[in-house]
Amino acid sequence: MQKDMLEKEVAEIIKGFRQDSIEIEINQEHVHKWVSQFKPDAQDVILEETLHILKEWYFGKDRICVFLDEIVDYLKSENENATDED
């Protein structure tokens, strides 16, 4: 995969990371600047491995919200009288 595509994919996954608490925009340019600190011949491998790890282990806000909704739905199904507040 081309370097710019890898950078774009990494940026897309982490774009919301600490979105409200840091003053930088995490985008492809930011990822490019980050990976540029490494030797050129290692950059593709670093991007590929980072992308692999993020796809498996990074939980963005949307993914966490879905997970929490599923937990709430399960708990409500276990207790017929439960409300959203419970």
C-alpha atoms as a PDB file:
ATOM      1  CA  MET A   1       0.000   0.000   0.000  1.00  0.00           C
ATOM      2  CA  GLN A   2       1.265   3.480  -0.761  1.00  0.00           C
ATOM      3  CA  LYS A   3       2.573   5.646   2.053  1.00  0.00           C
ATOM      4  CA  ASP A   4      -0.001   8.409   1.545  1.00  0.00           C
ATOM      5  CA  MET A   5      -2.864   5.894   1.708  1.00  0.00           C
ATOM      6  CA  LEU A   6      -1.480   4.429   4.935  1.00  0.00           C
ATOM      7  CA  GLU A   7      -1.180   7.907   6.434  1.00  0.00           C
ATOM      8  CA  LYS A   8      -4.734   8.699   5.396  1.00  0.00           C
ATOM      9  CA  GLU A   9      -6.108   5.487   6.941  1.00  0.00           C
ATOM     10  CA  VAL A  10      -4.266   6.051  10.229  1.00  0.00           C
ATOM     11  CA  ALA A  11      -5.515   9.643  10.357  1.00  0.00           C
ATOM     12  CA  GLU A  12      -9.087   8.553   9.669  1.00  0.00           C
ATOM     13  CA  ILE A  13      -9.044   6.119  12.593  1.00  0.00           C
ATOM     14  CA  ILE A  14      -7.552   8.520  15.138  1.00  0.00           C
ATOM     15  CA  LYS A  15      -9.092  11.788  13.942  1.00  0.00           C
ATOM     16  CA  GLY A  16     -11.312  12.086  17.016  1.00  0.00           C
ATOM     17  CA  PHE A  17      -8.620  11.264  19.587  1.00  0.00           C
ATOM     18  CA  ARG A  18      -8.811  13.815  22.417  1.00  0.00           C
ATOM     19  CA  GLN A  19     -10.641  16.047  19.981  1.00  0.00           C
ATOM     20  CA  ASP A  20     -11.848  18.452  22.669  1.00  0.00           C
ATOM     21  CA  SER A  21      -8.684  18.562  24.759  1.00  0.00           C
ATOM     22  CA  ILE A  22      -5.834  19.206  22.315  1.00  0.00           C
ATOM     23  CA  GLU A  23      -5.385  22.117  19.967  1.00  0.00           C
ATOM     24  CA  ILE A  24      -4.026  20.225  16.980  1.00  0.00           C
ATOM     25  CA  GLU A  25      -6.024  18.675  14.188  1.00  0.00           C
ATOM     26  CA  ILE A  26      -5.152  15.055  13.685  1.00  0.00           C
ATOM     27  CA  ASN A  27      -5.179  14.601   9.928  1.00  0.00           C
ATOM     28  CA  GLN A  28      -3.036  13.036   7.210  1.00  0.00           C
ATOM     29  CA  GLU A  29      -0.533  15.903   7.401  1.00  0.00           C
ATOM     30  CA  HIS A  30      -0.137  15.332  11.151  1.00  0.00           C
ATOM     31  CA  VAL A  31       0.433  11.592  10.632  1.00  0.00           C
ATOM     32  CA  HIS A  32       2.948  12.358   7.865  1.00  0.00           C
ATOM     33  CA  LYS A  33       4.869  14.687  10.180  1.00  0.00           C
ATOM     34  CA  TRP A  34       4.844  12.018  12.914  1.00  0.00           C
ATOM     35  CA  VAL A  35       6.097   9.182  10.690  1.00  0.00           C
ATOM     36  CA  SER A  36       8.751  11.427   9.128  1.00  0.00           C
ATOM     37  CA  GLN A  37      10.752  11.263  12.341  1.00  0.00           C
ATOM     38  CA  PHE A  38      11.686   7.680  11.455  1.00  0.00           C
ATOM     39  CA  LYS A  39      14.186   6.527   8.844  1.00  0.00           C
ATOM     40  CA  PRO A  40      12.612   6.567   5.367  1.00  0.00           C
ATOM     41  CA  ASP A  41      13.121   2.830   4.826  1.00  0.00           C
ATOM     42  CA  ALA A  42      11.209   2.050   8.048  1.00  0.00           C
ATOM     43  CA  GLN A  43       8.255   4.399   7.563  1.00  0.00           C
ATOM     44  CA  ASP A  44       6.049   2.039   5.544  1.00  0.00           C
ATOM     45  CA  VAL A  45       6.499  -0.760   8.061  1.00  0.00           C
ATOM     46  CA  ILE A  46       5.755   1.588  10.956  1.00  0.00           C
ATOM     47  CA  LEU A  47       2.600   2.850   9.252  1.00  0.00           C
ATOM     48  CA  GLU A  48       1.455  -0.671   8.344  1.00  0.00           C
ATOM     49  CA  GLU A  49       1.957  -1.966  11.875  1.00  0.00           C
ATOM     50  CA  THR A  50       0.384   1.118  13.446  1.00  0.00           C
ATOM     51  CA  LEU A  51      -2.632   0.723  11.178  1.00  0.00           C
ATOM     52  CA  HIS A  52      -2.918  -2.956  12.078  1.00  0.00           C
ATOM     53  CA  ILE A  53      -2.811  -2.205  15.808  1.00  0.00           C
ATOM     54  CA  LEU A  54      -5.294   0.653  15.548  1.00  0.00           C
ATOM     55  CA  LYS A  55      -7.769  -1.459  13.572  1.00  0.00           C
ATOM     56  CA  GLU A  56      -7.635  -4.142  16.243  1.00  0.00           C
ATOM     57  CA  TRP A  57      -7.346  -2.153  19.458  1.00  0.00           C
ATOM     58  CA  TYR A  58      -8.321   1.503  19.057  1.00  0.00           C
ATOM     59  CA  PHE A  59     -11.766   2.312  20.385  1.00  0.00           C
ATOM     60  CA  GLY A  60     -12.975   5.637  19.047  1.00  0.00           C
ATOM     61  CA  LYS A  61     -15.901   7.536  20.511  1.00  0.00           C
ATOM     62  CA  ASP A  62     -18.426   5.982  18.101  1.00  0.00           C
ATOM     63  CA  ARG A  63     -17.279   2.444  18.871  1.00  0.00           C
ATOM     64  CA  ILE A  64     -17.436   3.077  22.616  1.00  0.00           C
ATOM     65  CA  CYS A  65     -20.946   4.580  22.358  1.00  0.00           C
ATOM     66  CA  VAL A  66     -22.205   1.517  20.485  1.00  0.00           C
ATOM     67  CA  PHE A  67     -20.602  -0.767  23.066  1.00  0.00           C
ATOM     68  CA  LEU A  68     -22.142   1.125  25.991  1.00  0.00           C
ATOM     69  CA  ASP A  69     -25.565   1.143  24.304  1.00  0.00           C
ATOM     70  CA  GLU A  70     -25.334  -2.629  23.923  1.00  0.00           C
ATOM     71  CA  ILE A  71     -24.498  -3.013  27.611  1.00  0.00           C
ATOM     72  CA  VAL A  72     -27.442  -0.825  28.635  1.00  0.00           C
ATOM     73  CA  ASP A  73     -29.788  -2.777  26.349  1.00  0.00           C
ATOM     74  CA  TYR A  74     -28.556  -6.053  27.805  1.00  0.00           C
ATOM     75  CA  LEU A  75     -28.979  -4.866  31.377  1.00  0.00           C
ATOM     76  CA  LYS A  76     -32.489  -3.596  30.634  1.00  0.00           C
ATOM     77  CA  SER A  77     -33.383  -6.934  29.068  1.00  0.00           C
ATOM     78  CA  GLU A  78     -32.228  -8.680  32.235  1.00  0.00           C
ATOM     79  CA  ASN A  79     -34.409  -6.448  34.404  1.00  0.00           C
ATOM     80  CA  GLU A  80     -37.827  -5.812  32.878  1.00  0.00           C
ATOM     81  CA  ASN A  81     -38.587  -2.970  35.278  1.00  0.00           C
ATOM     82  CA  ALA A  82     -35.362  -1.052  34.646  1.00  0.00           C
ATOM     83  CA  THR A  83     -35.461   2.430  33.190  1.00  0.00           C
ATOM     84  CA  ASP A  84     -32.748   4.289  31.314  1.00  0.00           C
ATOM     85  CA  GLU A  85     -31.827   6.099  34.531  1.00  0.00           C
ATOM     86  CA  ASP A  86     -31.423   2.819  36.435  1.00  0.00           C
END
